[in-house]
Amino acid sequence: MKIRRSTTAMTGAVLMLLLLLGSCASKRGFGGGGELVGAPLASWNEPAPYGMVLIPSGSITLGSTEADSLWGRMADAKPISVDAFWMDSHEITNAQYRQFVYYVRDSIIRERLADPAYGGNPDYKITTDRYGDPIEPYLDWSKPLPNPRTAFDEELVAMNSVYHVNPVTGQKTLDPAQMLFHYTRYDYRAASFYSEQLLALRQPKSINYNPEEDSSIPYISKDTAYVNDEGRIVRETITRKLRSEYDFLNTYIVAIYPDESCWVKDFQNSQNEQYSRLYFNHPSYDNYPVVGVSWEQADAFCAWRSRLFKANVDIPEGMVIEAFRLPTEAEWEYAARVGDSSRKYPWSTADTEKEGGCFYGNFKPDEGDYTADGYLIPAEVGSFAPNDFGLYDMAGNVAEWTSTTFTASAYKEVNDINPQLDYHATKEDTPTMCLKVVRGGSWKDIARFIQSNVREKELQDSKRSYIGFRCVKSSISQGIAKPSRRKRK
């Protein structure tokens, strides 16, 4: 009884204090002295992404205002503006992409080391939170993989299970069929279109309400993927009535190992098989641009890079952080031309060759002469001088994937602010619906095709020895193009 009276007294005192504080706050205007001062959020500066340069916002005229009768191209141009963004200073290299491949490899090994079929070591998974409560298990990356020299037999089996040994040559390589990356992506754009319908779904309903009979609920499509019993990736696009925010969460599974055979497939009457053996897996090519990757693989790389970045940045609770992605076609051309519509190439001159015979980029200067610029195939990234934004190899070396879906009439369809055409093709779509814009030209192209305004296209699942990519990342209110770049009429 004494304790109860004491507790009651304390509770009454606390209530009186809160009432007094509330009374004082109402007289003072609650922190504003009676004035409208706003409610600012906690400040947080996102770190500059490693290896990227900040491209300031600005405007440019995409495409060409003049027809090209030699190549049969009509004049097609559109003035646009883009927001600021971060962009890789050079193309993604073999070593950088190999980090992605090794992440997938080590994930599989850790899963198998925790599997009872391979010894069942529980230390490779975290199953409880810091308070000891059970959670959904996830991999513990702090625990190193076993040393092959001292590993148990079961551990060795798990570690070797991701490799394939050629029974004829004895060559041991990672098994591309097993290098699968699972990821999800929330479609913010689609969610914005259906924001009112989502709000309506959250409103209280009658007991007898049946959403399947509600004609006001729209149908949506979402991508899903899974691996079947035969180990094959099954990709489906589900169409159904809108249910919740989860309908905008798309699931993808991508085999991410580069196609090393692209060197032979692209040049069938050449002796290039040495590149198929060495280009991706020899240290001499570490700093060369990765090739043999499809648009789908490049997109998966961006998703993995975003996951890696977020896992190592201390983000305030509730704070949104921009993901890595492929550049839009507009962003790519704006960055290549340094926001200057008059530039033909990333460099400041209309020529491709300096005085003395040195070239500004890696391309095919003459018929059959790939070596005139000093390189037979792609060069190490950064072998040529950057443009004024600090970007290397925006012309030649390897062509680059963009996130933009290709249509011949793109400039007539897109908006003039941050223009983009983004269509997620399904397996039922025709090939013309699966085309993505490729920019920059490559080591095998002549000068005409490395111009900054030239558009090329490729199927999103194609893997070429002359196509690579680089990433971008949206910047939040950082940088405006210098006024000197704007031309007065």
Protein backbone atom coordinates (compact mmCIF):
# COMPACT_ATOMS: atom_id res chain seq x y z
CA MET A 1 0.00 0.00 0.00
CA LYS A 2 2.82 2.42 0.80
CA ILE A 3 4.45 1.74 -2.51
CA ARG A 4 1.17 2.25 -4.35
CA ARG A 5 0.54 5.63 -2.67
CA SER A 6 4.10 6.71 -3.44
CA THR A 7 3.72 5.71 -7.10
CA THR A 8 0.41 7.54 -7.34
CA ALA A 9 1.93 10.67 -5.86
CA MET A 10 4.86 10.54 -8.29
CA THR A 11 2.50 10.07 -11.24
CA GLY A 12 0.48 13.10 -10.18
CA ALA A 13 3.62 15.21 -9.91
CA VAL A 14 4.77 14.20 -13.37
CA LEU A 15 1.36 15.07 -14.85
CA MET A 16 1.41 18.48 -13.20
CA LEU A 17 4.90 19.12 -14.61
CA LEU A 18 3.81 18.14 -18.12
CA LEU A 19 0.77 20.43 -17.88
CA LEU A 20 2.94 23.34 -16.78
CA LEU A 21 5.42 22.69 -19.58
CA GLY A 22 2.61 22.46 -22.10
CA SER A 23 1.15 25.72 -20.84
CA CYS A 24 4.51 27.49 -21.11
CA ALA A 25 5.12 26.05 -24.55
CA SER A 26 1.77 27.26 -25.85
CA LYS A 27 2.49 30.79 -24.60
CA ARG A 28 5.93 30.83 -26.25
CA GLY A 29 4.72 29.38 -29.57
CA PHE A 30 6.49 26.05 -28.88
CA GLY A 31 10.07 26.82 -29.75
CA GLY A 32 9.43 29.62 -32.23
CA GLY A 33 8.85 32.58 -29.95
CA GLY A 34 5.47 32.95 -31.59
CA GLU A 35 7.03 33.01 -35.07
CA LEU A 36 6.96 30.55 -37.96
CA VAL A 37 10.49 29.13 -37.87
CA GLY A 38 9.95 25.74 -39.51
CA ALA A 39 10.89 22.25 -38.37
CA PRO A 40 14.26 21.46 -39.99
CA LEU A 41 15.43 17.88 -40.21
CA ALA A 42 18.71 16.67 -38.80
CA SER A 43 21.50 17.47 -41.25
CA TRP A 44 23.51 14.66 -42.81
CA ASN A 45 26.11 14.86 -45.52
CA GLU A 46 26.39 11.83 -47.77
CA PRO A 47 30.05 10.96 -48.40
CA ALA A 48 31.44 11.40 -51.89
CA PRO A 49 31.42 7.99 -53.62
CA TYR A 50 34.94 6.65 -54.18
CA GLY A 51 36.17 6.95 -57.76
CA MET A 52 33.38 9.27 -58.85
CA VAL A 53 33.32 12.91 -59.93
CA LEU A 54 30.46 15.35 -59.39
CA ILE A 55 28.75 16.42 -62.60
CA PRO A 56 26.96 19.75 -62.01
CA SER A 57 23.42 20.32 -63.21
CA GLY A 58 22.95 22.15 -66.49
CA SER A 59 21.41 22.06 -69.94
CA ILE A 60 22.39 20.84 -73.39
CA THR A 61 20.88 20.12 -76.78
CA LEU A 62 20.83 16.36 -77.21
CA GLY A 63 21.55 14.86 -80.59
CA SER A 64 22.40 16.76 -83.74
CA THR A 65 20.78 19.81 -85.29
CA GLU A 66 22.29 18.92 -88.70
CA ALA A 67 21.51 15.98 -90.94
CA ASP A 68 24.27 13.54 -91.90
CA SER A 69 23.71 12.63 -95.55
CA LEU A 70 26.75 10.32 -95.66
CA TRP A 71 25.33 8.01 -93.00
CA GLY A 72 21.68 8.68 -93.77
CA ARG A 73 20.89 10.25 -90.40
CA MET A 74 18.24 12.96 -90.11
CA ALA A 75 18.64 15.94 -87.83
CA ASP A 76 17.22 15.00 -84.44
CA ALA A 77 17.80 17.22 -81.42
CA LYS A 78 16.14 18.26 -78.17
CA PRO A 79 17.14 20.93 -75.62
CA ILE A 80 17.05 19.40 -72.13
CA SER A 81 18.22 19.99 -68.55
CA VAL A 82 19.61 17.48 -66.07
CA ASP A 83 20.14 17.51 -62.34
CA ALA A 84 23.54 17.07 -60.71
CA PHE A 85 24.88 13.53 -60.37
CA TRP A 86 27.99 11.57 -59.51
CA MET A 87 29.65 9.58 -62.30
CA ASP A 88 32.49 7.07 -62.34
CA SER A 89 35.60 8.78 -63.63
CA HIS A 90 36.33 5.73 -65.77
CA GLU A 91 34.64 2.58 -66.99
CA ILE A 92 34.18 -0.31 -64.55
CA THR A 93 37.32 -2.44 -64.70
CA ASN A 94 37.88 -6.18 -64.64
CA ALA A 95 39.20 -5.93 -61.07
CA GLN A 96 36.14 -3.96 -59.92
CA TYR A 97 33.69 -6.34 -61.56
CA ARG A 98 35.67 -9.30 -60.18
CA GLN A 99 34.97 -7.95 -56.67
CA PHE A 100 31.28 -8.38 -57.49
CA VAL A 101 31.85 -11.93 -58.76
CA TYR A 102 33.86 -12.85 -55.67
CA TYR A 103 31.11 -11.48 -53.43
CA VAL A 104 28.64 -13.85 -55.07
CA ARG A 105 31.14 -16.72 -54.90
CA ASP A 106 31.85 -16.18 -51.19
CA SER A 107 28.13 -15.82 -50.43
CA ILE A 108 27.48 -19.24 -51.93
CA ILE A 109 30.41 -20.79 -50.04
CA ARG A 110 29.22 -19.33 -46.72
CA GLU A 111 25.69 -20.58 -47.29
CA ARG A 112 27.05 -24.07 -47.96
CA LEU A 113 29.39 -24.02 -44.98
CA ALA A 114 26.33 -23.35 -42.81
CA ASP A 115 24.38 -26.12 -44.57
CA PRO A 116 24.29 -29.44 -42.64
CA ALA A 117 25.16 -31.22 -45.91
CA TYR A 118 28.59 -29.54 -45.80
CA GLY A 119 29.31 -29.72 -42.08
CA GLY A 120 26.63 -27.32 -40.82
CA ASN A 121 28.83 -24.73 -39.10
CA PRO A 122 26.35 -22.25 -37.49
CA ASP A 123 29.08 -19.62 -37.06
CA TYR A 124 28.66 -18.53 -40.69
CA LYS A 125 25.19 -17.16 -39.99
CA ILE A 126 23.87 -14.62 -37.51
CA THR A 127 20.58 -15.82 -36.02
CA THR A 128 19.97 -13.43 -33.09
CA ASP A 129 20.08 -9.68 -32.57
CA ARG A 130 22.30 -7.93 -30.04
CA TYR A 131 19.73 -8.64 -27.32
CA GLY A 132 19.75 -12.37 -28.04
CA ASP A 133 16.31 -12.45 -29.64
CA PRO A 134 15.89 -14.69 -32.72
CA ILE A 135 15.88 -13.00 -36.13
CA GLU A 136 15.83 -14.13 -39.74
CA PRO A 137 19.32 -15.62 -40.31
CA TYR A 138 21.81 -13.80 -42.50
CA LEU A 139 25.44 -14.36 -43.44
CA ASP A 140 28.20 -13.35 -41.04
CA TRP A 141 30.85 -11.72 -43.24
CA SER A 142 33.12 -11.08 -40.27
CA LYS A 143 33.97 -14.78 -40.06
CA PRO A 144 36.73 -15.62 -42.57
CA LEU A 145 36.52 -18.59 -44.88
CA PRO A 146 38.57 -21.66 -43.90
CA ASN A 147 42.20 -21.94 -44.97
CA PRO A 148 42.24 -24.60 -47.72
CA ARG A 149 45.41 -26.09 -46.22
CA THR A 150 43.82 -26.74 -42.83
CA ALA A 151 40.14 -27.09 -43.77
CA PHE A 152 38.08 -30.16 -42.97
CA ASP A 153 36.97 -32.41 -45.81
CA GLU A 154 33.39 -31.08 -45.69
CA GLU A 155 34.67 -27.50 -45.82
CA LEU A 156 36.87 -28.27 -48.82
CA VAL A 157 33.91 -29.81 -50.62
CA ALA A 158 31.87 -26.65 -49.98
CA MET A 159 34.67 -24.35 -51.17
CA ASN A 160 35.39 -26.37 -54.30
CA SER A 161 31.73 -26.81 -55.21
CA VAL A 162 31.56 -23.39 -56.91
CA TYR A 163 34.28 -24.30 -59.42
CA HIS A 164 34.25 -26.23 -62.66
CA VAL A 165 37.20 -28.29 -63.83
CA ASN A 166 37.54 -28.86 -67.56
CA PRO A 167 37.92 -32.65 -67.82
CA VAL A 168 40.11 -32.29 -70.92
CA THR A 169 42.42 -29.35 -70.16
CA GLY A 170 42.28 -29.57 -66.37
CA GLN A 171 41.63 -25.79 -66.16
CA LYS A 172 39.79 -24.81 -62.96
CA THR A 173 37.41 -21.86 -63.25
CA LEU A 174 34.40 -20.51 -61.41
CA ASP A 175 31.19 -22.14 -62.58
CA PRO A 176 29.22 -19.36 -64.34
CA ALA A 177 25.97 -21.30 -63.90
CA GLN A 178 26.26 -20.92 -60.12
CA MET A 179 27.22 -17.24 -60.01
CA LEU A 180 23.66 -16.01 -59.46
CA PHE A 181 22.90 -12.67 -57.83
CA HIS A 182 19.49 -12.19 -56.23
CA TYR A 183 18.24 -8.65 -55.71
CA THR A 184 15.09 -6.58 -55.44
CA ARG A 185 14.31 -3.10 -56.67
CA TYR A 186 11.43 -0.88 -55.55
CA ASP A 187 9.77 0.94 -58.43
CA TYR A 188 9.31 4.44 -57.00
CA ARG A 189 7.98 5.76 -60.31
CA ALA A 190 5.14 3.22 -60.51
CA ALA A 191 4.35 3.71 -56.83
CA SER A 192 4.00 7.45 -57.47
CA PHE A 193 1.51 6.86 -60.29
CA TYR A 194 -0.66 4.76 -57.99
CA SER A 195 -0.19 6.73 -54.76
CA GLU A 196 -3.89 7.71 -54.54
CA GLN A 197 -5.04 4.14 -55.09
CA LEU A 198 -2.63 2.94 -52.40
CA LEU A 199 -4.05 5.52 -50.00
CA ALA A 200 -7.58 4.36 -50.78
CA LEU A 201 -6.63 0.76 -50.06
CA ARG A 202 -5.52 1.76 -46.56
CA GLN A 203 -8.85 3.37 -45.72
CA PRO A 204 -11.16 1.38 -43.38
CA LYS A 205 -13.45 -1.00 -45.26
CA SER A 206 -16.67 -2.76 -44.46
CA ILE A 207 -16.60 -6.32 -43.19
CA ASN A 208 -17.92 -7.69 -46.48
CA TYR A 209 -15.49 -5.74 -48.67
CA ASN A 210 -13.85 -7.84 -51.43
CA PRO A 211 -10.97 -6.07 -53.25
CA GLU A 212 -11.26 -8.47 -56.21
CA GLU A 213 -14.75 -7.09 -56.89
CA ASP A 214 -13.71 -3.45 -56.59
CA SER A 215 -13.52 -2.06 -60.14
CA SER A 216 -11.69 1.08 -58.94
CA ILE A 217 -8.56 -0.91 -58.06
CA PRO A 218 -6.14 -0.97 -61.02
CA TYR A 219 -4.13 -3.90 -62.31
CA ILE A 220 -0.35 -3.70 -61.99
CA SER A 221 2.57 -5.76 -63.31
CA LYS A 222 5.63 -6.75 -61.33
CA ASP A 223 8.75 -8.77 -62.13
CA THR A 224 9.52 -11.94 -60.21
CA ALA A 225 12.19 -14.59 -60.55
CA TYR A 226 13.11 -17.92 -58.98
CA VAL A 227 15.36 -20.92 -59.60
CA ASN A 228 13.47 -24.10 -60.49
CA ASP A 229 14.30 -27.68 -59.51
CA GLU A 230 16.53 -28.02 -62.56
CA GLY A 231 18.65 -25.05 -61.47
CA ARG A 232 17.34 -22.76 -64.22
CA ILE A 233 16.35 -19.15 -63.67
CA VAL A 234 12.63 -18.65 -64.25
CA ARG A 235 11.61 -15.07 -64.88
CA GLU A 236 7.95 -14.07 -64.79
CA THR A 237 5.91 -10.88 -64.95
CA ILE A 238 2.83 -11.13 -62.75
CA THR A 239 -0.25 -9.06 -63.56
CA ARG A 240 -2.80 -8.68 -60.78
CA LYS A 241 -4.87 -6.16 -58.89
CA LEU A 242 -2.99 -3.69 -56.72
CA ARG A 243 -2.75 -4.89 -53.11
CA SER A 244 0.01 -3.00 -51.29
CA GLU A 245 3.42 -1.35 -51.62
CA TYR A 246 4.94 -4.80 -52.08
CA ASP A 247 3.46 -4.85 -55.59
CA PHE A 248 6.17 -2.37 -56.60
CA LEU A 249 9.00 -4.52 -55.26
CA ASN A 250 10.48 -6.37 -58.24
CA THR A 251 12.66 -9.46 -57.85
CA TYR A 252 15.54 -10.38 -60.15
CA ILE A 253 18.02 -13.24 -60.39
CA VAL A 254 20.92 -12.69 -62.78
CA ALA A 255 23.83 -14.92 -63.78
CA ILE A 256 26.55 -12.30 -63.43
CA TYR A 257 29.73 -13.96 -64.72
CA PRO A 258 31.03 -12.22 -67.88
CA ASP A 259 30.84 -14.08 -71.16
CA GLU A 260 34.53 -14.67 -71.83
CA SER A 261 33.70 -16.28 -75.18
CA CYS A 262 32.50 -12.93 -76.56
CA TRP A 263 35.96 -12.38 -78.08
CA VAL A 264 35.48 -15.41 -80.33
CA LYS A 265 31.76 -14.92 -81.00
CA ASP A 266 32.21 -11.28 -82.08
CA PHE A 267 35.14 -12.10 -84.37
CA GLN A 268 34.55 -15.63 -85.58
CA ASN A 269 37.26 -15.57 -88.25
CA SER A 270 40.00 -14.27 -85.97
CA GLN A 271 42.41 -15.82 -83.51
CA ASN A 272 41.15 -14.19 -80.33
CA GLU A 273 40.67 -17.17 -78.04
CA GLN A 274 43.61 -16.03 -75.91
CA TYR A 275 41.44 -13.12 -74.73
CA SER A 276 38.70 -15.58 -73.80
CA ARG A 277 41.16 -17.30 -71.47
CA LEU A 278 43.03 -14.28 -70.11
CA TYR A 279 41.20 -10.96 -70.45
CA PHE A 280 39.01 -11.27 -67.35
CA ASN A 281 41.21 -13.57 -65.27
CA HIS A 282 44.78 -12.37 -65.70
CA PRO A 283 46.28 -9.64 -63.46
CA SER A 284 47.76 -7.90 -66.49
CA TYR A 285 44.21 -6.90 -67.46
CA ASP A 286 43.03 -5.81 -64.00
CA ASN A 287 42.66 -2.15 -64.97
CA TYR A 288 41.13 -2.77 -68.38
CA PRO A 289 37.38 -2.16 -68.82
CA VAL A 290 35.23 -5.20 -68.20
CA VAL A 291 33.44 -6.48 -71.32
CA GLY A 292 31.17 -9.41 -72.10
CA VAL A 293 28.56 -8.08 -69.66
CA SER A 294 24.94 -7.56 -70.66
CA TRP A 295 22.75 -4.65 -69.66
CA GLU A 296 21.07 -6.97 -67.16
CA GLN A 297 24.43 -7.84 -65.57
CA ALA A 298 25.44 -4.18 -65.43
CA ASP A 299 22.13 -3.37 -63.71
CA ALA A 300 22.75 -6.16 -61.19
CA PHE A 301 26.23 -4.73 -60.51
CA CYS A 302 24.65 -1.37 -59.67
CA ALA A 303 22.27 -3.06 -57.22
CA TRP A 304 25.17 -4.90 -55.54
CA ARG A 305 27.25 -1.70 -55.36
CA SER A 306 24.34 0.10 -53.70
CA ARG A 307 24.03 -2.69 -51.14
CA LEU A 308 27.77 -2.58 -50.44
CA PHE A 309 27.76 1.21 -50.06
CA LYS A 310 24.78 1.30 -47.70
CA ALA A 311 26.21 -1.47 -45.52
CA ASN A 312 29.31 0.63 -44.85
CA VAL A 313 27.77 4.08 -44.35
CA ASP A 314 26.30 5.23 -41.05
CA ILE A 315 22.89 6.42 -42.25
CA PRO A 316 20.52 8.21 -39.83
CA GLU A 317 17.31 6.30 -39.23
CA GLY A 318 14.72 7.03 -41.89
CA MET A 319 17.20 8.76 -44.20
CA VAL A 320 16.98 7.92 -47.90
CA ILE A 321 20.23 7.32 -49.74
CA GLU A 322 20.43 7.38 -53.53
CA ALA A 323 21.31 4.09 -55.23
CA PHE A 324 23.97 3.48 -57.87
CA ARG A 325 22.52 3.02 -61.35
CA LEU A 326 23.35 3.18 -65.03
CA PRO A 327 23.30 6.70 -66.51
CA THR A 328 20.38 7.83 -68.57
CA GLU A 329 21.14 8.59 -72.19
CA ALA A 330 20.73 12.32 -71.49
CA GLU A 331 23.08 12.23 -68.49
CA TRP A 332 25.68 10.36 -70.50
CA GLU A 333 25.70 12.80 -73.43
CA TYR A 334 25.62 15.84 -71.14
CA ALA A 335 28.63 14.51 -69.20
CA ALA A 336 30.54 13.54 -72.35
CA ARG A 337 30.08 16.96 -73.94
CA VAL A 338 30.77 18.81 -70.67
CA GLY A 339 27.43 20.58 -70.96
CA ASP A 340 28.49 22.16 -74.26
CA SER A 341 26.16 21.44 -77.19
CA SER A 342 28.76 22.54 -79.71
CA ARG A 343 31.24 19.80 -78.75
CA LYS A 344 31.56 16.99 -81.24
CA TYR A 345 33.76 14.86 -78.97
CA PRO A 346 34.50 14.90 -75.22
CA TRP A 347 37.63 16.93 -75.92
CA SER A 348 37.46 20.60 -76.92
CA THR A 349 38.43 20.22 -80.57
CA ALA A 350 36.63 18.70 -83.57
CA ASP A 351 39.79 16.78 -84.45
CA THR A 352 40.60 13.27 -83.24
CA GLU A 353 44.37 13.67 -83.49
CA LYS A 354 46.84 16.03 -81.85
CA GLU A 355 49.80 17.61 -83.54
CA GLY A 356 52.50 14.98 -83.80
CA GLY A 357 50.12 12.10 -84.52
CA CYS A 358 48.83 11.30 -81.00
CA PHE A 359 45.13 10.50 -80.76
CA TYR A 360 42.66 11.73 -78.15
CA GLY A 361 41.06 8.33 -77.65
CA ASN A 362 41.14 4.62 -78.42
CA PHE A 363 39.28 3.81 -81.66
CA LYS A 364 40.02 2.58 -85.20
CA PRO A 365 41.61 5.58 -86.93
CA ASP A 366 41.99 3.90 -90.32
CA GLU A 367 40.68 0.90 -92.24
CA GLY A 368 42.07 -2.22 -90.58
CA ASP A 369 44.53 -0.20 -88.47
CA TYR A 370 43.54 -0.63 -84.86
CA THR A 371 47.01 0.11 -83.51
CA ALA A 372 47.44 3.66 -84.82
CA ASP A 373 46.30 5.00 -81.45
CA GLY A 374 48.68 2.70 -79.61
CA TYR A 375 46.26 -0.12 -78.71
CA LEU A 376 44.92 -3.17 -80.53
CA ILE A 377 41.97 -3.85 -78.18
CA PRO A 378 40.68 -1.82 -75.19
CA ALA A 379 43.31 0.20 -73.34
CA GLU A 380 43.73 0.47 -69.59
CA VAL A 381 41.19 2.93 -68.26
CA GLY A 382 42.59 6.44 -68.01
CA SER A 383 45.19 5.93 -70.74
CA PHE A 384 43.99 9.10 -72.47
CA ALA A 385 43.39 12.56 -71.03
CA PRO A 386 39.99 13.19 -69.36
CA ASN A 387 37.43 15.74 -70.51
CA ASP A 388 36.87 18.96 -68.57
CA PHE A 389 34.53 17.21 -66.12
CA GLY A 390 37.34 14.76 -65.24
CA LEU A 391 35.83 11.78 -67.08
CA TYR A 392 38.07 9.35 -68.92
CA ASP A 393 37.31 7.37 -72.09
CA MET A 394 33.94 8.93 -72.88
CA ALA A 395 34.79 8.34 -76.54
CA GLY A 396 36.13 4.98 -77.68
CA ASN A 397 37.80 2.28 -75.58
CA VAL A 398 34.51 0.47 -74.87
CA ALA A 399 30.98 1.60 -75.65
CA GLU A 400 28.79 1.97 -72.57
CA TRP A 401 25.34 0.81 -71.54
CA THR A 402 22.79 3.41 -70.48
CA SER A 403 19.55 2.80 -68.60
CA THR A 404 17.48 4.23 -71.46
CA THR A 405 15.22 2.08 -73.62
CA PHE A 406 15.91 2.63 -77.31
CA THR A 407 13.28 4.05 -79.65
CA ALA A 408 13.98 5.95 -82.85
CA SER A 409 11.63 8.74 -81.77
CA ALA A 410 13.01 9.11 -78.26
CA TYR A 411 13.65 12.85 -78.41
CA LYS A 412 10.00 13.47 -79.35
CA GLU A 413 8.68 11.36 -76.48
CA VAL A 414 10.75 12.39 -73.46
CA ASN A 415 10.36 15.43 -71.22
CA ASP A 416 12.94 18.19 -71.30
CA ILE A 417 13.81 17.87 -67.58
CA ASN A 418 15.83 14.78 -66.63
CA PRO A 419 14.55 12.95 -69.76
CA GLN A 420 14.30 9.18 -69.61
CA LEU A 421 12.53 6.27 -71.31
CA ASP A 422 12.59 3.27 -69.00
CA TYR A 423 10.78 0.12 -70.05
CA HIS A 424 11.24 -3.18 -68.20
CA ALA A 425 10.93 -5.79 -70.92
CA THR A 426 9.27 -9.12 -70.18
CA LYS A 427 10.25 -12.47 -71.66
CA GLU A 428 7.17 -12.29 -73.91
CA ASP A 429 8.27 -9.00 -75.50
CA THR A 430 9.61 -8.79 -79.04
CA PRO A 431 13.33 -8.02 -79.51
CA THR A 432 12.55 -4.40 -80.43
CA MET A 433 11.14 -3.92 -76.92
CA CYS A 434 14.37 -5.21 -75.38
CA LEU A 435 16.76 -2.67 -76.89
CA LYS A 436 18.86 -0.35 -74.74
CA VAL A 437 20.81 2.73 -75.80
CA VAL A 438 24.59 2.30 -76.04
CA ARG A 439 26.84 5.37 -76.16
CA GLY A 440 30.44 6.40 -76.81
CA GLY A 441 31.65 3.98 -79.45
CA SER A 442 34.52 1.57 -78.87
CA TRP A 443 38.02 0.48 -79.75
CA LYS A 444 36.71 -1.19 -82.93
CA ASP A 445 34.77 1.85 -84.24
CA ILE A 446 35.79 4.58 -86.64
CA ALA A 447 35.73 8.26 -85.65
CA ARG A 448 32.12 8.76 -86.78
CA PHE A 449 30.76 6.39 -84.16
CA ILE A 450 32.67 7.76 -81.16
CA GLN A 451 31.05 11.20 -81.49
CA SER A 452 29.20 12.20 -78.33
CA ASN A 453 25.81 12.63 -79.99
CA VAL A 454 25.70 9.27 -81.79
CA ARG A 455 23.07 6.80 -80.55
CA GLU A 456 23.53 3.05 -80.93
CA LYS A 457 21.38 0.18 -79.66
CA GLU A 458 21.84 -3.37 -78.40
CA LEU A 459 19.63 -6.10 -76.95
CA GLN A 460 19.68 -5.94 -73.16
CA ASP A 461 20.88 -9.55 -72.84
CA SER A 462 23.71 -9.19 -75.40
CA LYS A 463 27.31 -9.58 -74.25
CA ARG A 464 29.91 -7.95 -76.46
CA SER A 465 33.69 -7.62 -76.42
CA TYR A 466 33.30 -3.90 -77.07
CA ILE A 467 30.56 -2.88 -74.58
CA GLY A 468 31.14 -2.07 -70.92
CA PHE A 469 29.60 0.43 -68.51
CA ARG A 470 30.09 2.95 -65.74
CA CYS A 471 27.79 3.90 -62.85
CA VAL A 472 26.15 7.13 -61.76
CA LYS A 473 24.49 8.22 -58.54
CA SER A 474 22.05 11.09 -58.14
CA SER A 475 23.36 14.01 -56.11
CA ILE A 476 21.14 15.96 -53.75
CA SER A 477 21.33 19.70 -54.56
CA GLN A 478 25.03 19.65 -55.34
CA GLY A 479 26.46 21.78 -58.09
CA ILE A 480 25.12 24.04 -60.82
CA ALA A 481 26.74 24.44 -64.21
CA LYS A 482 28.93 27.52 -64.52
CA PRO A 483 27.11 30.46 -66.16
CA SER A 484 30.00 30.82 -68.62
CA ARG A 485 28.87 27.61 -70.34
CA ARG A 486 25.52 29.16 -71.27
CA LYS A 487 25.37 30.88 -74.61
CA ARG A 488 23.38 34.06 -75.01
CA LYS A 489 21.15 34.40 -78.01
